[in-house]
Amino acid sequence: MKKISVIAVAALVMLAIAPNAPIVGSATAQQMSNNCDPSDHLDGSTMAMAKQKFAAAGYAQLHDFVKGCDNYWHAHGMKDGSPVNVVLSPQGDVMTEGN
C-alpha cells in the first residue's frame, strides 16, 4: 500500500510541476529533441519509409538515421562497397551527402 501511495504522490507532483505540458506524439517529441523551432512543420515521414527509399536507391547497411527540422532524413551506409553519408529529401530524392 505504501508503494502505491509513493507512486500516486510522484504522479501528482509531476502534474503540479508541469500542468500545461503537452502530451506529444513521436514526431513532435523528435522535433523537440532536435531543437527544432516550434513553428517548424515535421511531415509524417518515418524512419522505415526513409530506409526503404535508401535501399531502393542501392544503399545498404544503413544506420544512425536522423530526421532534420527541414524534413530531410540523414543516414550512414554503404554503396558499391564504400561507406557513404546519404540524405533523403522531403520530395523523395535520395542523394549522397555532400553532392
PDB file of N, CA and C in Angstrom:
ATOM      1  N   MET A   1       0.827  -1.192   0.000  1.00  0.00           N
ATOM      2  CA  MET A   1       0.000   0.000   0.000  1.00  0.00           C
ATOM      3  C   MET A   1       0.869   1.254   0.000  1.00  0.00           C
ATOM      4  N   LYS A   2       1.952   1.211   0.761  1.00  0.00           N
ATOM      5  CA  LYS A   2       2.841   2.362   0.856  1.00  0.00           C
ATOM      6  C   LYS A   2       3.466   2.673  -0.498  1.00  0.00           C
ATOM      7  N   LYS A   3       3.788   1.615  -1.294  1.00  0.00           N
ATOM      8  CA  LYS A   3       4.400   1.776  -2.608  1.00  0.00           C
ATOM      9  C   LYS A   3       3.439   2.507  -3.556  1.00  0.00           C
ATOM     10  N   ILE A   4       2.168   2.155  -3.498  1.00  0.00           N
ATOM     11  CA  ILE A   4       1.159   2.802  -4.349  1.00  0.00           C
ATOM     12  C   ILE A   4       1.028   4.273  -3.979  1.00  0.00           C
ATOM     13  N   SER A   5       1.065   4.578  -2.703  1.00  0.00           N
ATOM     14  CA  SER A   5       0.966   5.966  -2.250  1.00  0.00           C
ATOM     15  C   SER A   5       2.132   6.793  -2.762  1.00  0.00           C
ATOM     16  N   VAL A   6       3.327   6.219  -2.734  1.00  0.00           N
ATOM     17  CA  VAL A   6       4.512   6.934  -3.218  1.00  0.00           C
ATOM     18  C   VAL A   6       4.371   7.220  -4.706  1.00  0.00           C
ATOM     19  N   ILE A   7       3.905   6.243  -5.469  1.00  0.00           N
ATOM     20  CA  ILE A   7       3.719   6.423  -6.914  1.00  0.00           C
ATOM     21  C   ILE A   7       2.655   7.483  -7.182  1.00  0.00           C
ATOM     22  N   ALA A   8       1.564   7.440  -6.431  1.00  0.00           N
ATOM     23  CA  ALA A   8       0.493   8.424  -6.610  1.00  0.00           C
ATOM     24  C   ALA A   8       0.987   9.831  -6.290  1.00  0.00           C
ATOM     25  N   VAL A   9       1.744   9.971  -5.239  1.00  0.00           N
ATOM     26  CA  VAL A   9       2.291  11.278  -4.864  1.00  0.00           C
ATOM     27  C   VAL A   9       3.240  11.776  -5.957  1.00  0.00           C
ATOM     28  N   ALA A  10       4.083  10.888  -6.475  1.00  0.00           N
ATOM     29  CA  ALA A  10       5.014  11.271  -7.538  1.00  0.00           C
ATOM     30  C   ALA A  10       4.257  11.739  -8.777  1.00  0.00           C
ATOM     31  N   ALA A  11       3.185  11.056  -9.110  1.00  0.00           N
ATOM     32  CA  ALA A  11       2.376  11.458 -10.266  1.00  0.00           C
ATOM     33  C   ALA A  11       1.747  12.821 -10.039  1.00  0.00           C
ATOM     34  N   LEU A  12       1.243  13.069  -8.865  1.00  0.00           N
ATOM     35  CA  LEU A  12       0.639  14.366  -8.560  1.00  0.00           C
ATOM     36  C   LEU A  12       1.677  15.491  -8.602  1.00  0.00           C
ATOM     37  N   VAL A  13       2.876  15.206  -8.132  1.00  0.00           N
ATOM     38  CA  VAL A  13       3.946  16.202  -8.172  1.00  0.00           C
ATOM     39  C   VAL A  13       4.280  16.548  -9.622  1.00  0.00           C
ATOM     40  N   MET A  14       4.350  15.532 -10.469  1.00  0.00           N
ATOM     41  CA  MET A  14       4.646  15.778 -11.888  1.00  0.00           C
ATOM     42  C   MET A  14       3.563  16.641 -12.526  1.00  0.00           C
ATOM     43  N   LEU A  15       2.316  16.381 -12.198  1.00  0.00           N
ATOM     44  CA  LEU A  15       1.219  17.186 -12.743  1.00  0.00           C
ATOM     45  C   LEU A  15       1.262  18.611 -12.217  1.00  0.00           C
ATOM     46  N   ALA A  16       1.655  18.770 -10.968  1.00  0.00           N
ATOM     47  CA  ALA A  16       1.732  20.104 -10.386  1.00  0.00           C
ATOM     48  C   ALA A  16       2.869  20.914 -10.995  1.00  0.00           C
ATOM     49  N   ILE A  17       3.967  20.242 -11.311  1.00  0.00           N
ATOM     50  CA  ILE A  17       5.125  20.940 -11.866  1.00  0.00           C
ATOM     51  C   ILE A  17       4.857  21.384 -13.298  1.00  0.00           C
ATOM     52  N   ALA A  18       4.219  20.548 -14.075  1.00  0.00           N
ATOM     53  CA  ALA A  18       4.003  20.847 -15.497  1.00  0.00           C
ATOM     54  C   ALA A  18       2.541  20.631 -15.879  1.00  0.00           C
ATOM     55  N   PRO A  19       1.627  21.436 -15.330  1.00  0.00           N
ATOM     56  CA  PRO A  19       0.210  21.200 -15.612  1.00  0.00           C
ATOM     57  C   PRO A  19      -0.171  21.451 -17.073  1.00  0.00           C
ATOM     58  N   ASN A  20       0.566  22.273 -17.761  1.00  0.00           N
ATOM     59  CA  ASN A  20       0.232  22.584 -19.147  1.00  0.00           C
ATOM     60  C   ASN A  20       1.176  21.927 -20.145  1.00  0.00           C
ATOM     61  N   ALA A  21       1.974  20.977 -19.677  1.00  0.00           N
ATOM     62  CA  ALA A  21       2.903  20.306 -20.577  1.00  0.00           C
ATOM     63  C   ALA A  21       2.115  19.493 -21.588  1.00  0.00           C
ATOM     64  N   PRO A  22       2.432  19.639 -22.869  1.00  0.00           N
ATOM     65  CA  PRO A  22       1.665  18.920 -23.885  1.00  0.00           C
ATOM     66  C   PRO A  22       2.017  17.440 -23.895  1.00  0.00           C
ATOM     67  N   ILE A  23       1.029  16.656 -24.223  1.00  0.00           N
ATOM     68  CA  ILE A  23       1.275  15.243 -24.486  1.00  0.00           C
ATOM     69  C   ILE A  23       1.621  15.197 -25.962  1.00  0.00           C
ATOM     70  N   VAL A  24       2.805  14.733 -26.285  1.00  0.00           N
ATOM     71  CA  VAL A  24       3.301  14.847 -27.652  1.00  0.00           C
ATOM     72  C   VAL A  24       3.436  13.495 -28.316  1.00  0.00           C
ATOM     73  N   GLY A  25       3.254  13.509 -29.636  1.00  0.00           N
ATOM     74  CA  GLY A  25       3.483  12.316 -30.429  1.00  0.00           C
ATOM     75  C   GLY A  25       4.958  12.189 -30.757  1.00  0.00           C
ATOM     76  N   SER A  26       5.319  11.115 -31.443  1.00  0.00           N
ATOM     77  CA  SER A  26       6.733  10.853 -31.701  1.00  0.00           C
ATOM     78  C   SER A  26       7.378  11.925 -32.576  1.00  0.00           C
ATOM     79  N   ALA A  27       6.648  12.436 -33.582  1.00  0.00           N
ATOM     80  CA  ALA A  27       7.238  13.461 -34.449  1.00  0.00           C
ATOM     81  C   ALA A  27       7.516  14.733 -33.658  1.00  0.00           C
ATOM     82  N   THR A  28       6.566  15.127 -32.823  1.00  0.00           N
ATOM     83  CA  THR A  28       6.762  16.335 -32.025  1.00  0.00           C
ATOM     84  C   THR A  28       7.859  16.122 -30.995  1.00  0.00           C
ATOM     85  N   ALA A  29       7.902  14.937 -30.402  1.00  0.00           N
ATOM     86  CA  ALA A  29       8.955  14.646 -29.424  1.00  0.00           C
ATOM     87  C   ALA A  29      10.311  14.704 -30.100  1.00  0.00           C
ATOM     88  N   GLN A  30      10.407  14.161 -31.319  1.00  0.00           N
ATOM     89  CA  GLN A  30      11.683  14.211 -32.051  1.00  0.00           C
ATOM     90  C   GLN A  30      12.022  15.659 -32.373  1.00  0.00           C
ATOM     91  N   GLN A  31      11.023  16.438 -32.768  1.00  0.00           N
ATOM     92  CA  GLN A  31      11.250  17.837 -33.099  1.00  0.00           C
ATOM     93  C   GLN A  31      11.814  18.561 -31.883  1.00  0.00           C
ATOM     94  N   MET A  32      11.278  18.267 -30.715  1.00  0.00           N
ATOM     95  CA  MET A  32      11.751  18.917 -29.505  1.00  0.00           C
ATOM     96  C   MET A  32      13.179  18.474 -29.189  1.00  0.00           C
ATOM     97  N   SER A  33      13.483  17.184 -29.378  1.00  0.00           N
ATOM     98  CA  SER A  33      14.826  16.707 -29.061  1.00  0.00           C
ATOM     99  C   SER A  33      15.845  17.175 -30.093  1.00  0.00           C
ATOM    100  N   ASN A  34      15.396  17.511 -31.305  1.00  0.00           N
ATOM    101  CA  ASN A  34      16.297  18.029 -32.335  1.00  0.00           C
ATOM    102  C   ASN A  34      16.491  19.536 -32.210  1.00  0.00           C
ATOM    103  N   ASN A  35      15.877  20.129 -31.202  1.00  0.00           N
ATOM    104  CA  ASN A  35      15.934  21.575 -31.007  1.00  0.00           C
ATOM    105  C   ASN A  35      15.340  22.334 -32.179  1.00  0.00           C
ATOM    106  N   CYS A  36      14.324  21.755 -32.800  1.00  0.00           N
ATOM    107  CA  CYS A  36      13.630  22.444 -33.883  1.00  0.00           C
ATOM    108  C   CYS A  36      12.802  23.581 -33.294  1.00  0.00           C
ATOM    109  N   ASP A  37      12.563  24.562 -34.114  1.00  0.00           N
ATOM    110  CA  ASP A  37      11.700  25.659 -33.739  1.00  0.00           C
ATOM    111  C   ASP A  37      10.259  25.154 -33.693  1.00  0.00           C
ATOM    112  N   PRO A  38       9.475  25.579 -32.734  1.00  0.00           N
ATOM    113  CA  PRO A  38       8.083  25.112 -32.677  1.00  0.00           C
ATOM    114  C   PRO A  38       7.290  25.411 -33.953  1.00  0.00           C
ATOM    115  N   SER A  39       7.704  26.402 -34.728  1.00  0.00           N
ATOM    116  CA  SER A  39       6.988  26.707 -35.961  1.00  0.00           C
ATOM    117  C   SER A  39       7.408  25.808 -37.122  1.00  0.00           C
ATOM    118  N   ASP A  40       8.489  25.020 -36.940  1.00  0.00           N
ATOM    119  CA  ASP A  40       8.896  24.075 -37.984  1.00  0.00           C
ATOM    120  C   ASP A  40       7.834  22.993 -38.099  1.00  0.00           C
ATOM    121  N   HIS A  41       7.469  22.656 -39.320  1.00  0.00           N
ATOM    122  CA  HIS A  41       6.464  21.618 -39.538  1.00  0.00           C
ATOM    123  C   HIS A  41       7.153  20.317 -39.915  1.00  0.00           C
ATOM    124  N   LEU A  42       6.974  19.302 -39.081  1.00  0.00           N
ATOM    125  CA  LEU A  42       7.529  17.992 -39.400  1.00  0.00           C
ATOM    126  C   LEU A  42       6.484  17.200 -40.166  1.00  0.00           C
ATOM    127  N   ASP A  43       6.899  16.636 -41.295  1.00  0.00           N
ATOM    128  CA  ASP A  43       5.966  15.831 -42.074  1.00  0.00           C
ATOM    129  C   ASP A  43       5.812  14.452 -41.432  1.00  0.00           C
ATOM    130  N   GLY A  44       5.019  13.620 -42.028  1.00  0.00           N
ATOM    131  CA  GLY A  44       4.727  12.312 -41.450  1.00  0.00           C
ATOM    132  C   GLY A  44       5.672  11.208 -41.878  1.00  0.00           C
ATOM    133  N   SER A  45       6.798  11.556 -42.501  1.00  0.00           N
ATOM    134  CA  SER A  45       7.719  10.509 -42.944  1.00  0.00           C
ATOM    135  C   SER A  45       8.337   9.809 -41.743  1.00  0.00           C
ATOM    136  N   THR A  46       8.584   8.513 -41.915  1.00  0.00           N
ATOM    137  CA  THR A  46       9.131   7.709 -40.836  1.00  0.00           C
ATOM    138  C   THR A  46      10.498   7.154 -41.225  1.00  0.00           C
ATOM    139  N   MET A  47      11.197   6.632 -40.233  1.00  0.00           N
ATOM    140  CA  MET A  47      12.488   6.028 -40.493  1.00  0.00           C
ATOM    141  C   MET A  47      12.326   4.820 -41.421  1.00  0.00           C
ATOM    142  N   ALA A  48      11.271   4.050 -41.251  1.00  0.00           N
ATOM    143  CA  ALA A  48      11.037   2.889 -42.113  1.00  0.00           C
ATOM    144  C   ALA A  48      10.861   3.313 -43.569  1.00  0.00           C
ATOM    145  N   MET A  49      10.152   4.417 -43.793  1.00  0.00           N
ATOM    146  CA  MET A  49       9.964   4.925 -45.159  1.00  0.00           C
ATOM    147  C   MET A  49      11.298   5.365 -45.753  1.00  0.00           C
ATOM    148  N   ALA A  50      12.104   6.063 -44.937  1.00  0.00           N
ATOM    149  CA  ALA A  50      13.408   6.534 -45.408  1.00  0.00           C
ATOM    150  C   ALA A  50      14.308   5.343 -45.727  1.00  0.00           C
ATOM    151  N   LYS A  51      14.310   4.352 -44.856  1.00  0.00           N
ATOM    152  CA  LYS A  51      15.150   3.168 -45.061  1.00  0.00           C
ATOM    153  C   LYS A  51      14.769   2.468 -46.366  1.00  0.00           C
ATOM    154  N   GLN A  52      13.476   2.375 -46.640  1.00  0.00           N
ATOM    155  CA  GLN A  52      13.002   1.738 -47.858  1.00  0.00           C
ATOM    156  C   GLN A  52      13.465   2.511 -49.096  1.00  0.00           C
ATOM    157  N   LYS A  53      13.376   3.830 -49.053  1.00  0.00           N
ATOM    158  CA  LYS A  53      13.827   4.667 -50.180  1.00  0.00           C
ATOM    159  C   LYS A  53      15.330   4.527 -50.404  1.00  0.00           C
ATOM    160  N   PHE A  54      16.108   4.553 -49.309  1.00  0.00           N
ATOM    161  CA  PHE A  54      17.556   4.406 -49.423  1.00  0.00           C
ATOM    162  C   PHE A  54      17.911   3.051 -50.025  1.00  0.00           C
ATOM    163  N   ALA A  55      17.265   1.993 -49.547  1.00  0.00           N
ATOM    164  CA  ALA A  55      17.548   0.643 -50.047  1.00  0.00           C
ATOM    165  C   ALA A  55      17.199   0.528 -51.529  1.00  0.00           C
ATOM    166  N   ALA A  56      16.074   1.122 -51.937  1.00  0.00           N
ATOM    167  CA  ALA A  56      15.666   1.082 -53.344  1.00  0.00           C
ATOM    168  C   ALA A  56      16.672   1.803 -54.236  1.00  0.00           C
ATOM    169  N   ALA A  57      17.396   2.766 -53.662  1.00  0.00           N
ATOM    170  CA  ALA A  57      18.403   3.513 -54.419  1.00  0.00           C
ATOM    171  C   ALA A  57      19.771   2.828 -54.379  1.00  0.00           C
ATOM    172  N   GLY A  58      19.851   1.655 -53.752  1.00  0.00           N
ATOM    173  CA  GLY A  58      21.094   0.894 -53.762  1.00  0.00           C
ATOM    174  C   GLY A  58      21.976   1.042 -52.538  1.00  0.00           C
ATOM    175  N   TYR A  59      21.491   1.680 -51.496  1.00  0.00           N
ATOM    176  CA  TYR A  59      22.274   1.847 -50.267  1.00  0.00           C
ATOM    177  C   TYR A  59      21.994   0.680 -49.329  1.00  0.00           C
ATOM    178  N   ALA A  60      23.012   0.236 -48.606  1.00  0.00           N
ATOM    179  CA  ALA A  60      22.870  -0.912 -47.705  1.00  0.00           C
ATOM    180  C   ALA A  60      23.526  -0.606 -46.365  1.00  0.00           C
ATOM    181  N   GLN A  61      23.338  -1.512 -45.431  1.00  0.00           N
ATOM    182  CA  GLN A  61      23.917  -1.397 -44.083  1.00  0.00           C
ATOM    183  C   GLN A  61      23.660  -0.009 -43.492  1.00  0.00           C
ATOM    184  N   LEU A  62      22.436   0.436 -43.604  1.00  0.00           N
ATOM    185  CA  LEU A  62      22.059   1.776 -43.154  1.00  0.00           C
ATOM    186  C   LEU A  62      21.938   1.833 -41.633  1.00  0.00           C
ATOM    187  N   HIS A  63      22.403   2.931 -41.060  1.00  0.00           N
ATOM    188  CA  HIS A  63      22.330   3.115 -39.609  1.00  0.00           C
ATOM    189  C   HIS A  63      22.417   4.603 -39.282  1.00  0.00           C
ATOM    190  N   ASP A  64      22.206   4.908 -38.019  1.00  0.00           N
ATOM    191  CA  ASP A  64      22.275   6.288 -37.499  1.00  0.00           C
ATOM    192  C   ASP A  64      21.352   7.241 -38.259  1.00  0.00           C
ATOM    193  N   PHE A  65      20.092   6.872 -38.359  1.00  0.00           N
ATOM    194  CA  PHE A  65      19.102   7.718 -39.021  1.00  0.00           C
ATOM    195  C   PHE A  65      18.791   8.941 -38.166  1.00  0.00           C
ATOM    196  N   VAL A  66      18.731  10.097 -38.814  1.00  0.00           N
ATOM    197  CA  VAL A  66      18.361  11.342 -38.141  1.00  0.00           C
ATOM    198  C   VAL A  66      17.465  12.131 -39.088  1.00  0.00           C
ATOM    199  N   LYS A  67      16.358  12.614 -38.564  1.00  0.00           N
ATOM    200  CA  LYS A  67      15.469  13.467 -39.348  1.00  0.00           C
ATOM    201  C   LYS A  67      15.680  14.903 -38.894  1.00  0.00           C
ATOM    202  N   GLY A  68      16.017  15.772 -39.839  1.00  0.00           N
ATOM    203  CA  GLY A  68      16.250  17.167 -39.515  1.00  0.00           C
ATOM    204  C   GLY A  68      14.958  17.964 -39.435  1.00  0.00           C
ATOM    205  N   CYS A  69      15.066  19.151 -38.902  1.00  0.00           N
ATOM    206  CA  CYS A  69      13.917  20.047 -38.788  1.00  0.00           C
ATOM    207  C   CYS A  69      13.360  20.423 -40.154  1.00  0.00           C
ATOM    208  N   ASP A  70      14.162  20.245 -41.197  1.00  0.00           N
ATOM    209  CA  ASP A  70      13.743  20.546 -42.564  1.00  0.00           C
ATOM    210  C   ASP A  70      13.130  19.335 -43.265  1.00  0.00           C
ATOM    211  N   ASN A  71      12.899  18.239 -42.509  1.00  0.00           N
ATOM    212  CA  ASN A  71      12.288  17.005 -43.004  1.00  0.00           C
ATOM    213  C   ASN A  71      13.198  16.188 -43.904  1.00  0.00           C
ATOM    214  N   TYR A  72      14.491  16.489 -43.928  1.00  0.00           N
ATOM    215  CA  TYR A  72      15.454  15.667 -44.652  1.00  0.00           C
ATOM    216  C   TYR A  72      15.910  14.554 -43.715  1.00  0.00           C
ATOM    217  N   TRP A  73      15.940  13.318 -44.233  1.00  0.00           N
ATOM    218  CA  TRP A  73      16.458  12.179 -43.478  1.00  0.00           C
ATOM    219  C   TRP A  73      17.932  11.993 -43.821  1.00  0.00           C
ATOM    220  N   HIS A  74      18.752  11.776 -42.823  1.00  0.00           N
ATOM    221  CA  HIS A  74      20.189  11.553 -42.995  1.00  0.00           C
ATOM    222  C   HIS A  74      20.523  10.188 -42.403  1.00  0.00           C
ATOM    223  N   ALA A  75      21.470   9.488 -43.031  1.00  0.00           N
ATOM    224  CA  ALA A  75      21.904   8.187 -42.507  1.00  0.00           C
ATOM    225  C   ALA A  75      23.313   7.889 -42.996  1.00  0.00           C
ATOM    226  N   HIS A  76      23.912   6.902 -42.378  1.00  0.00           N
ATOM    227  CA  HIS A  76      25.204   6.374 -42.812  1.00  0.00           C
ATOM    228  C   HIS A  76      24.934   5.000 -43.396  1.00  0.00           C
ATOM    229  N   GLY A  77      25.694   4.640 -44.428  1.00  0.00           N
ATOM    230  CA  GLY A  77      25.510   3.330 -45.028  1.00  0.00           C
ATOM    231  C   GLY A  77      26.635   2.999 -45.985  1.00  0.00           C
ATOM    232  N   MET A  78      26.356   2.032 -46.841  1.00  0.00           N
ATOM    233  CA  MET A  78      27.331   1.576 -47.830  1.00  0.00           C
ATOM    234  C   MET A  78      26.681   1.613 -49.213  1.00  0.00           C
ATOM    235  N   LYS A  79      27.486   1.969 -50.209  1.00  0.00           N
ATOM    236  CA  LYS A  79      27.044   1.877 -51.597  1.00  0.00           C
ATOM    237  C   LYS A  79      28.252   1.474 -52.433  1.00  0.00           C
ATOM    238  N   ASP A  80      28.061   0.432 -53.210  1.00  0.00           N
ATOM    239  CA  ASP A  80      29.137  -0.091 -54.069  1.00  0.00           C
ATOM    240  C   ASP A  80      30.399  -0.381 -53.265  1.00  0.00           C
ATOM    241  N   GLY A  81      30.235  -0.878 -52.040  1.00  0.00           N
ATOM    242  CA  GLY A  81      31.365  -1.264 -51.215  1.00  0.00           C
ATOM    243  C   GLY A  81      32.051  -0.129 -50.476  1.00  0.00           C
ATOM    244  N   SER A  82      31.545   1.074 -50.612  1.00  0.00           N
ATOM    245  CA  SER A  82      32.166   2.226 -49.946  1.00  0.00           C
ATOM    246  C   SER A  82      31.215   2.830 -48.914  1.00  0.00           C
ATOM    247  N   PRO A  83      31.765   3.274 -47.785  1.00  0.00           N
ATOM    248  CA  PRO A  83      30.920   3.949 -46.794  1.00  0.00           C
ATOM    249  C   PRO A  83      30.497   5.324 -47.309  1.00  0.00           C
ATOM    250  N   VAL A  84      29.239   5.670 -47.077  1.00  0.00           N
ATOM    251  CA  VAL A  84      28.707   6.958 -47.532  1.00  0.00           C
ATOM    252  C   VAL A  84      27.764   7.536 -46.483  1.00  0.00           C
ATOM    253  N   ASN A  85      27.590   8.828 -46.562  1.00  0.00           N
ATOM    254  CA  ASN A  85      26.528   9.521 -45.845  1.00  0.00           C
ATOM    255  C   ASN A  85      25.468   9.803 -46.893  1.00  0.00           C
ATOM    256  N   VAL A  86      24.236   9.499 -46.578  1.00  0.00           N
ATOM    257  CA  VAL A  86      23.157   9.607 -47.551  1.00  0.00           C
ATOM    258  C   VAL A  86      22.042  10.470 -46.978  1.00  0.00           C
ATOM    259  N   VAL A  87      21.314  11.143 -47.873  1.00  0.00           N
ATOM    260  CA  VAL A  87      20.230  12.019 -47.455  1.00  0.00           C
ATOM    261  C   VAL A  87      19.011  11.791 -48.353  1.00  0.00           C
ATOM    262  N   LEU A  88      17.835  11.873 -47.750  1.00  0.00           N
ATOM    263  CA  LEU A  88      16.567  11.764 -48.462  1.00  0.00           C
ATOM    264  C   LEU A  88      15.816  13.069 -48.294  1.00  0.00           C
ATOM    265  N   SER A  89      15.487  13.709 -49.410  1.00  0.00           N
ATOM    266  CA  SER A  89      14.762  14.983 -49.353  1.00  0.00           C
ATOM    267  C   SER A  89      13.275  14.726 -49.091  1.00  0.00           C
ATOM    268  N   PRO A  90      12.557  15.743 -48.647  1.00  0.00           N
ATOM    269  CA  PRO A  90      11.116  15.587 -48.445  1.00  0.00           C
ATOM    270  C   PRO A  90      10.379  15.246 -49.752  1.00  0.00           C
ATOM    271  N   GLN A  91      10.983  15.569 -50.889  1.00  0.00           N
ATOM    272  CA  GLN A  91      10.370  15.264 -52.179  1.00  0.00           C
ATOM    273  C   GLN A  91      10.667  13.835 -52.628  1.00  0.00           C
ATOM    274  N   GLY A  92      11.487  13.092 -51.881  1.00  0.00           N
ATOM    275  CA  GLY A  92      11.788  11.705 -52.194  1.00  0.00           C
ATOM    276  C   GLY A  92      13.080  11.488 -52.954  1.00  0.00           C
ATOM    277  N   ASP A  93      13.895  12.524 -53.110  1.00  0.00           N
ATOM    278  CA  ASP A  93      15.175  12.397 -53.805  1.00  0.00           C
ATOM    279  C   ASP A  93      16.229  11.848 -52.852  1.00  0.00           C
ATOM    280  N   VAL A  94      16.924  10.785 -53.279  1.00  0.00           N
ATOM    281  CA  VAL A  94      17.999  10.189 -52.492  1.00  0.00           C
ATOM    282  C   VAL A  94      19.316  10.636 -53.067  1.00  0.00           C
ATOM    283  N   MET A  95      20.194  11.154 -52.209  1.00  0.00           N
ATOM    284  CA  MET A  95      21.480  11.677 -52.648  1.00  0.00           C
ATOM    285  C   MET A  95      22.562  11.300 -51.669  1.00  0.00           C
ATOM    286  N   THR A  96      23.791  11.191 -52.182  1.00  0.00           N
ATOM    287  CA  THR A  96      24.928  11.038 -51.294  1.00  0.00           C
ATOM    288  C   THR A  96      25.184  12.407 -50.683  1.00  0.00           C
ATOM    289  N   GLU A  97      25.361  12.443 -49.371  1.00  0.00           N
ATOM    290  CA  GLU A  97      25.560  13.710 -48.665  1.00  0.00           C
ATOM    291  C   GLU A  97      26.799  14.410 -49.227  1.00  0.00           C
ATOM    292  N   GLY A  98      26.659  15.686 -49.470  1.00  0.00           N
ATOM    293  CA  GLY A  98      27.762  16.485 -49.994  1.00  0.00           C
ATOM    294  C   GLY A  98      27.647  16.730 -51.477  1.00  0.00           C
ATOM    295  N   ASN A  99      26.728  16.047 -52.142  1.00  0.00           N
ATOM    296  CA  ASN A  99      26.505  16.275 -53.586  1.00  0.00           C
ATOM    297  C   ASN A  99      25.429  17.318 -53.786  1.00  0.00           C
TER     298      ASN A  99
END
